[in-house]
Amino acid sequence: MTSDQSFRLGVLGSGRGSNFVALADAITAGSIPAQIATVLSDVAAAGILEQARQRQLPAQFIAPGKFRTKLDEEAERAYVLALQAARVDLIVLAGFMRVLKGDFLRAFEGRIVNIHPSLLPSFPGLEAWKQALDQGVKVTGCTVHFVDAGVDAGAIIDQQTVAVLDDDTAATLHARIHAAEHELYPKCVAAIARGEILVQGRRVIRKVG
């Protein structure tokens, strides 16, 4: 890993952590000039925590509280404090299945990113790959975006397309979108860590040179 002076990531996830693995591997390979400062999950047995521990990275379960789709106030404070204690520069959501709300967003305004399995603004919300298949589109993909108070509504950093094949099922399409995510997310996080990303309203500009 890189030195303590480097760009520091806090990763939040609820599941097996495949996007976390893609990010961690890219850091190890030197493709992302950053280090993972902490990994947090709202699921005690989440694979992402085990993946982090295998890499000897700080990993912690923080109970989400009483709500099903968001953090309650006490949990939100605990997450904010843990991320602040880890001195994170950027929060990377990797399959974190909770909607982030006011105080959390204000604490890390403009410093939270997410990856979504569609070409936003098309098919926000859950099971976007199934939405795309049901709608009959010929091209879908994935989107890395900043997180704001809307659902999958923040400024778009970058996108990668995935063709929808005639014999696709929800599972096969989802698998190819996952593969695209594992390519796109590390590239976007690396660009942010290098200071190459400039936000102008709804537009995200990549600095050159």
C-alpha atoms as a PDB file:
ATOM      1  CA  MET A   1       0.000   0.000   0.000  1.00  0.00           C
ATOM      2  CA  THR A   2       0.984   3.612  -0.343  1.00  0.00           C
ATOM      3  CA  SER A   3       2.097   5.937   2.449  1.00  0.00           C
ATOM      4  CA  ASP A   4      -0.124   7.496   5.084  1.00  0.00           C
ATOM      5  CA  GLN A   5       0.170  10.809   3.219  1.00  0.00           C
ATOM      6  CA  SER A   6      -1.650   9.456   0.151  1.00  0.00           C
ATOM      7  CA  PHE A   7      -5.231   9.932  -0.961  1.00  0.00           C
ATOM      8  CA  ARG A   8      -7.399   7.963   1.478  1.00  0.00           C
ATOM      9  CA  LEU A   9     -10.517   5.999   0.555  1.00  0.00           C
ATOM     10  CA  GLY A  10     -13.374   4.886   2.777  1.00  0.00           C
ATOM     11  CA  VAL A  11     -15.331   2.035   1.175  1.00  0.00           C
ATOM     12  CA  LEU A  12     -18.921   1.199   2.149  1.00  0.00           C
ATOM     13  CA  GLY A  13     -20.570  -2.033   1.052  1.00  0.00           C
ATOM     14  CA  SER A  14     -23.326  -4.461   1.966  1.00  0.00           C
ATOM     15  CA  GLY A  15     -22.521  -7.521  -0.149  1.00  0.00           C
ATOM     16  CA  ARG A  16     -19.729  -9.719  -1.433  1.00  0.00           C
ATOM     17  CA  GLY A  17     -17.517  -6.802  -2.403  1.00  0.00           C
ATOM     18  CA  SER A  18     -16.558  -7.467  -6.016  1.00  0.00           C
ATOM     19  CA  ASN A  19     -16.126  -3.766  -6.804  1.00  0.00           C
ATOM     20  CA  PHE A  20     -14.073  -3.381  -3.624  1.00  0.00           C
ATOM     21  CA  VAL A  21     -11.808  -6.206  -4.842  1.00  0.00           C
ATOM     22  CA  ALA A  22     -11.395  -4.464  -8.211  1.00  0.00           C
ATOM     23  CA  LEU A  23     -10.396  -1.232  -6.429  1.00  0.00           C
ATOM     24  CA  ALA A  24      -8.044  -2.969  -3.989  1.00  0.00           C
ATOM     25  CA  ASP A  25      -6.356  -4.903  -6.802  1.00  0.00           C
ATOM     26  CA  ALA A  26      -5.929  -1.702  -8.840  1.00  0.00           C
ATOM     27  CA  ILE A  27      -4.306   0.010  -5.850  1.00  0.00           C
ATOM     28  CA  THR A  28      -1.943  -2.936  -5.358  1.00  0.00           C
ATOM     29  CA  ALA A  29      -1.074  -2.799  -9.068  1.00  0.00           C
ATOM     30  CA  GLY A  30      -0.288   0.916  -8.791  1.00  0.00           C
ATOM     31  CA  SER A  31      -3.165   2.022 -11.033  1.00  0.00           C
ATOM     32  CA  ILE A  32      -4.865   4.094  -8.315  1.00  0.00           C
ATOM     33  CA  PRO A  33      -2.635   6.520  -6.338  1.00  0.00           C
ATOM     34  CA  ALA A  34      -4.517   5.961  -3.086  1.00  0.00           C
ATOM     35  CA  GLN A  35      -4.920   3.676  -0.119  1.00  0.00           C
ATOM     36  CA  ILE A  36      -8.016   2.154   1.465  1.00  0.00           C
ATOM     37  CA  ALA A  37      -8.228   3.672   4.930  1.00  0.00           C
ATOM     38  CA  THR A  38     -11.327   1.808   6.124  1.00  0.00           C
ATOM     39  CA  VAL A  39     -14.061  -0.548   4.945  1.00  0.00           C
ATOM     40  CA  LEU A  40     -17.481  -0.294   6.612  1.00  0.00           C
ATOM     41  CA  SER A  41     -20.576  -2.461   6.209  1.00  0.00           C
ATOM     42  CA  ASP A  42     -24.132  -2.514   7.490  1.00  0.00           C
ATOM     43  CA  VAL A  43     -24.145  -6.344   7.259  1.00  0.00           C
ATOM     44  CA  ALA A  44     -22.122  -8.209   9.880  1.00  0.00           C
ATOM     45  CA  ALA A  45     -21.384 -11.198   7.629  1.00  0.00           C
ATOM     46  CA  ALA A  46     -20.848  -9.230   4.412  1.00  0.00           C
ATOM     47  CA  GLY A  47     -18.251 -10.634   2.044  1.00  0.00           C
ATOM     48  CA  ILE A  48     -16.710  -7.185   1.639  1.00  0.00           C
ATOM     49  CA  LEU A  49     -15.551  -7.267   5.279  1.00  0.00           C
ATOM     50  CA  GLU A  50     -13.904 -10.660   4.814  1.00  0.00           C
ATOM     51  CA  GLN A  51     -12.258  -9.481   1.595  1.00  0.00           C
ATOM     52  CA  ALA A  52     -10.871  -6.461   3.463  1.00  0.00           C
ATOM     53  CA  ARG A  53      -9.590  -8.558   6.373  1.00  0.00           C
ATOM     54  CA  GLN A  54      -7.858 -10.944   3.974  1.00  0.00           C
ATOM     55  CA  ARG A  55      -5.961  -7.888   2.708  1.00  0.00           C
ATOM     56  CA  GLN A  56      -5.227  -6.750   6.289  1.00  0.00           C
ATOM     57  CA  LEU A  57      -7.280  -3.595   5.829  1.00  0.00           C
ATOM     58  CA  PRO A  58      -9.340  -1.989   8.631  1.00  0.00           C
ATOM     59  CA  ALA A  59     -12.862  -3.426   8.366  1.00  0.00           C
ATOM     60  CA  GLN A  60     -15.841  -2.768  10.613  1.00  0.00           C
ATOM     61  CA  PHE A  61     -19.515  -3.656  10.873  1.00  0.00           C
ATOM     62  CA  ILE A  62     -21.681  -0.769  12.060  1.00  0.00           C
ATOM     63  CA  ALA A  63     -25.312  -1.657  12.749  1.00  0.00           C
ATOM     64  CA  PRO A  64     -27.633   0.366  10.503  1.00  0.00           C
ATOM     65  CA  GLY A  65     -30.405   0.823  13.044  1.00  0.00           C
ATOM     66  CA  LYS A  66     -34.139   0.365  12.759  1.00  0.00           C
ATOM     67  CA  PHE A  67     -34.797   1.321   9.141  1.00  0.00           C
ATOM     68  CA  ARG A  68     -34.668  -1.063   6.169  1.00  0.00           C
ATOM     69  CA  THR A  69     -33.385   1.247   3.421  1.00  0.00           C
ATOM     70  CA  LYS A  70     -31.483   3.992   5.247  1.00  0.00           C
ATOM     71  CA  LEU A  71     -29.335   4.532   8.341  1.00  0.00           C
ATOM     72  CA  ASP A  72     -31.058   5.778  11.477  1.00  0.00           C
ATOM     73  CA  GLU A  73     -29.667   8.892  13.182  1.00  0.00           C
ATOM     74  CA  GLU A  74     -27.446   7.023  15.637  1.00  0.00           C
ATOM     75  CA  ALA A  75     -26.015   4.794  12.932  1.00  0.00           C
ATOM     76  CA  GLU A  76     -25.446   7.759  10.640  1.00  0.00           C
ATOM     77  CA  ARG A  77     -23.409   9.498  13.354  1.00  0.00           C
ATOM     78  CA  ALA A  78     -21.383   6.327  13.893  1.00  0.00           C
ATOM     79  CA  TYR A  79     -20.557   6.054  10.192  1.00  0.00           C
ATOM     80  CA  VAL A  80     -19.608   9.724   9.947  1.00  0.00           C
ATOM     81  CA  LEU A  81     -17.359   9.490  13.004  1.00  0.00           C
ATOM     82  CA  ALA A  82     -15.669   6.316  11.743  1.00  0.00           C
ATOM     83  CA  LEU A  83     -14.964   7.880   8.353  1.00  0.00           C
ATOM     84  CA  GLN A  84     -13.716  11.107   9.896  1.00  0.00           C
ATOM     85  CA  ALA A  85     -11.460   9.131  12.263  1.00  0.00           C
ATOM     86  CA  ALA A  86     -10.002   7.338   9.233  1.00  0.00           C
ATOM     87  CA  ARG A  87      -9.321  10.759   7.626  1.00  0.00           C
ATOM     88  CA  VAL A  88     -10.872   9.740   4.316  1.00  0.00           C
ATOM     89  CA  ASP A  89     -10.623  11.991   1.278  1.00  0.00           C
ATOM     90  CA  LEU A  90     -13.245  10.122  -0.748  1.00  0.00           C
ATOM     91  CA  ILE A  91     -16.084   7.748   0.149  1.00  0.00           C
ATOM     92  CA  VAL A  92     -16.601   4.971  -2.380  1.00  0.00           C
ATOM     93  CA  LEU A  93     -19.909   3.114  -2.302  1.00  0.00           C
ATOM     94  CA  ALA A  94     -19.475  -0.493  -3.435  1.00  0.00           C
ATOM     95  CA  GLY A  95     -22.883  -2.104  -3.251  1.00  0.00           C
ATOM     96  CA  PHE A  96     -23.968  -0.205  -0.135  1.00  0.00           C
ATOM     97  CA  MET A  97     -27.706  -0.825   0.075  1.00  0.00           C
ATOM     98  CA  ARG A  98     -28.671   2.185   2.185  1.00  0.00           C
ATOM     99  CA  VAL A  99     -29.789   5.588   0.924  1.00  0.00           C
ATOM    100  CA  LEU A 100     -27.544   8.271   2.425  1.00  0.00           C
ATOM    101  CA  LYS A 101     -29.321  11.285   3.879  1.00  0.00           C
ATOM    102  CA  GLY A 102     -28.789  14.872   5.023  1.00  0.00           C
ATOM    103  CA  ASP A 103     -26.165  14.921   7.777  1.00  0.00           C
ATOM    104  CA  PHE A 104     -24.031  12.253   6.118  1.00  0.00           C
ATOM    105  CA  LEU A 105     -24.144  14.040   2.753  1.00  0.00           C
ATOM    106  CA  ARG A 106     -23.350  17.389   4.370  1.00  0.00           C
ATOM    107  CA  ALA A 107     -20.371  15.923   6.244  1.00  0.00           C
ATOM    108  CA  PHE A 108     -18.797  14.686   3.002  1.00  0.00           C
ATOM    109  CA  GLU A 109     -20.317  16.975   0.381  1.00  0.00           C
ATOM    110  CA  GLY A 110     -18.846  16.368  -3.073  1.00  0.00           C
ATOM    111  CA  ARG A 111     -16.714  13.491  -1.762  1.00  0.00           C
ATOM    112  CA  ILE A 112     -18.998  10.476  -2.196  1.00  0.00           C
ATOM    113  CA  VAL A 113     -19.110   8.372  -5.366  1.00  0.00           C
ATOM    114  CA  ASN A 114     -21.203   5.389  -6.416  1.00  0.00           C
ATOM    115  CA  ILE A 115     -21.418   2.982  -9.338  1.00  0.00           C
ATOM    116  CA  HIS A 116     -24.816   2.090 -10.777  1.00  0.00           C
ATOM    117  CA  PRO A 117     -25.567  -0.776 -13.204  1.00  0.00           C
ATOM    118  CA  SER A 118     -27.202   1.265 -15.962  1.00  0.00           C
ATOM    119  CA  LEU A 119     -26.528   4.254 -18.184  1.00  0.00           C
ATOM    120  CA  LEU A 120     -28.054   6.904 -15.970  1.00  0.00           C
ATOM    121  CA  PRO A 121     -30.399   8.722 -16.014  1.00  0.00           C
ATOM    122  CA  SER A 122     -32.032   5.593 -17.478  1.00  0.00           C
ATOM    123  CA  PHE A 123     -33.089   2.896 -15.004  1.00  0.00           C
ATOM    124  CA  PRO A 124     -32.260   4.323 -11.579  1.00  0.00           C
ATOM    125  CA  GLY A 125     -33.074   2.309  -8.485  1.00  0.00           C
ATOM    126  CA  LEU A 126     -32.985  -1.427  -7.856  1.00  0.00           C
ATOM    127  CA  GLU A 127     -32.268  -4.207 -10.381  1.00  0.00           C
ATOM    128  CA  ALA A 128     -31.386  -1.776 -13.150  1.00  0.00           C
ATOM    129  CA  TRP A 129     -30.149  -4.605 -15.395  1.00  0.00           C
ATOM    130  CA  LYS A 130     -33.573  -6.250 -15.176  1.00  0.00           C
ATOM    131  CA  GLN A 131     -35.257  -2.918 -15.904  1.00  0.00           C
ATOM    132  CA  ALA A 132     -33.118  -2.591 -19.043  1.00  0.00           C
ATOM    133  CA  LEU A 133     -33.907  -6.126 -20.187  1.00  0.00           C
ATOM    134  CA  ASP A 134     -37.639  -5.702 -19.559  1.00  0.00           C
ATOM    135  CA  GLN A 135     -37.633  -2.413 -21.460  1.00  0.00           C
ATOM    136  CA  GLY A 136     -36.008  -4.035 -24.504  1.00  0.00           C
ATOM    137  CA  VAL A 137     -33.098  -1.606 -24.865  1.00  0.00           C
ATOM    138  CA  LYS A 138     -30.186  -2.757 -27.036  1.00  0.00           C
ATOM    139  CA  VAL A 139     -27.461  -1.022 -25.019  1.00  0.00           C
ATOM    140  CA  THR A 140     -27.102  -0.540 -21.286  1.00  0.00           C
ATOM    141  CA  GLY A 141     -24.011  -0.328 -19.079  1.00  0.00           C
ATOM    142  CA  CYS A 142     -22.790   1.259 -15.873  1.00  0.00           C
ATOM    143  CA  THR A 143     -22.331   4.770 -14.513  1.00  0.00           C
ATOM    144  CA  VAL A 144     -19.975   6.216 -11.912  1.00  0.00           C
ATOM    145  CA  HIS A 145     -21.516   9.307 -10.340  1.00  0.00           C
ATOM    146  CA  PHE A 146     -21.271  11.627  -7.391  1.00  0.00           C
ATOM    147  CA  VAL A 147     -23.870  11.026  -4.689  1.00  0.00           C
ATOM    148  CA  ASP A 148     -26.433  13.655  -3.769  1.00  0.00           C
ATOM    149  CA  ALA A 149     -29.818  13.596  -2.036  1.00  0.00           C
ATOM    150  CA  GLY A 150     -31.559  12.054  -5.044  1.00  0.00           C
ATOM    151  CA  VAL A 151     -31.663   8.362  -5.964  1.00  0.00           C
ATOM    152  CA  ASP A 152     -28.840   7.719  -8.459  1.00  0.00           C
ATOM    153  CA  ALA A 153     -29.166  11.360  -9.440  1.00  0.00           C
ATOM    154  CA  GLY A 154     -25.742  12.954  -8.860  1.00  0.00           C
ATOM    155  CA  ALA A 155     -23.395  14.377 -11.488  1.00  0.00           C
ATOM    156  CA  ILE A 156     -22.103  11.687 -13.862  1.00  0.00           C
ATOM    157  CA  ILE A 157     -18.344  11.099 -13.820  1.00  0.00           C
ATOM    158  CA  ASP A 158     -18.106   8.447 -16.544  1.00  0.00           C
ATOM    159  CA  GLN A 159     -20.025   5.626 -18.198  1.00  0.00           C
ATOM    160  CA  GLN A 160     -19.277   2.351 -19.966  1.00  0.00           C
ATOM    161  CA  THR A 161     -21.636   0.637 -22.383  1.00  0.00           C
ATOM    162  CA  VAL A 162     -22.681  -3.006 -22.446  1.00  0.00           C
ATOM    163  CA  ALA A 163     -24.633  -4.507 -25.361  1.00  0.00           C
ATOM    164  CA  VAL A 164     -27.862  -6.327 -24.569  1.00  0.00           C
ATOM    165  CA  LEU A 165     -27.814  -9.638 -26.462  1.00  0.00           C
ATOM    166  CA  ASP A 166     -30.890 -11.350 -27.881  1.00  0.00           C
ATOM    167  CA  ASP A 167     -30.390 -14.408 -25.662  1.00  0.00           C
ATOM    168  CA  ASP A 168     -29.562 -12.480 -22.494  1.00  0.00           C
ATOM    169  CA  THR A 169     -31.167 -13.340 -19.202  1.00  0.00           C
ATOM    170  CA  ALA A 170     -31.134 -11.005 -16.213  1.00  0.00           C
ATOM    171  CA  ALA A 171     -28.239 -13.051 -14.796  1.00  0.00           C
ATOM    172  CA  THR A 172     -26.052 -13.019 -17.927  1.00  0.00           C
ATOM    173  CA  LEU A 173     -26.597  -9.312 -18.521  1.00  0.00           C
ATOM    174  CA  HIS A 174     -25.891  -8.521 -14.875  1.00  0.00           C
ATOM    175  CA  ALA A 175     -22.634 -10.499 -15.045  1.00  0.00           C
ATOM    176  CA  ARG A 176     -21.369  -8.514 -18.058  1.00  0.00           C
ATOM    177  CA  ILE A 177     -22.350  -5.219 -16.427  1.00  0.00           C
ATOM    178  CA  HIS A 178     -20.408  -6.300 -13.326  1.00  0.00           C
ATOM    179  CA  ALA A 179     -17.343  -6.931 -15.483  1.00  0.00           C
ATOM    180  CA  ALA A 180     -17.684  -3.427 -16.964  1.00  0.00           C
ATOM    181  CA  GLU A 181     -18.030  -1.948 -13.472  1.00  0.00           C
ATOM    182  CA  HIS A 182     -14.754  -3.563 -12.430  1.00  0.00           C
ATOM    183  CA  GLU A 183     -13.026  -1.756 -15.313  1.00  0.00           C
ATOM    184  CA  LEU A 184     -14.720   1.623 -14.984  1.00  0.00           C
ATOM    185  CA  TYR A 185     -14.751   2.195 -11.217  1.00  0.00           C
ATOM    186  CA  PRO A 186     -10.974   1.983 -10.656  1.00  0.00           C
ATOM    187  CA  LYS A 187     -10.370   4.361 -13.593  1.00  0.00           C
ATOM    188  CA  CYS A 188     -12.752   6.952 -12.153  1.00  0.00           C
ATOM    189  CA  VAL A 189     -11.418   6.695  -8.599  1.00  0.00           C
ATOM    190  CA  ALA A 190      -7.870   7.018  -9.948  1.00  0.00           C
ATOM    191  CA  ALA A 191      -8.829  10.179 -11.865  1.00  0.00           C
ATOM    192  CA  ILE A 192     -10.339  11.699  -8.720  1.00  0.00           C
ATOM    193  CA  ALA A 193      -7.279  10.763  -6.651  1.00  0.00           C
ATOM    194  CA  ARG A 194      -5.020  12.421  -9.238  1.00  0.00           C
ATOM    195  CA  GLY A 195      -7.097  15.613  -9.109  1.00  0.00           C
ATOM    196  CA  GLU A 196      -8.227  15.301 -12.716  1.00  0.00           C
ATOM    197  CA  ILE A 197     -11.970  15.698 -12.099  1.00  0.00           C
ATOM    198  CA  LEU A 198     -13.679  19.097 -12.179  1.00  0.00           C
ATOM    199  CA  VAL A 199     -17.413  19.503 -11.481  1.00  0.00           C
ATOM    200  CA  GLN A 200     -19.232  22.327 -13.263  1.00  0.00           C
ATOM    201  CA  GLY A 201     -22.903  22.155 -12.285  1.00  0.00           C
ATOM    202  CA  ARG A 202     -24.253  18.909 -13.726  1.00  0.00           C
ATOM    203  CA  ARG A 203     -21.197  18.389 -15.924  1.00  0.00           C
ATOM    204  CA  VAL A 204     -18.040  16.605 -14.832  1.00  0.00           C
ATOM    205  CA  ILE A 205     -14.947  17.625 -16.790  1.00  0.00           C
ATOM    206  CA  ARG A 206     -11.741  15.603 -17.043  1.00  0.00           C
ATOM    207  CA  LYS A 207      -8.694  17.889 -16.793  1.00  0.00           C
ATOM    208  CA  VAL A 208      -5.991  17.251 -19.378  1.00  0.00           C
ATOM    209  CA  GLY A 209      -2.322  18.002 -18.749  1.00  0.00           C
END
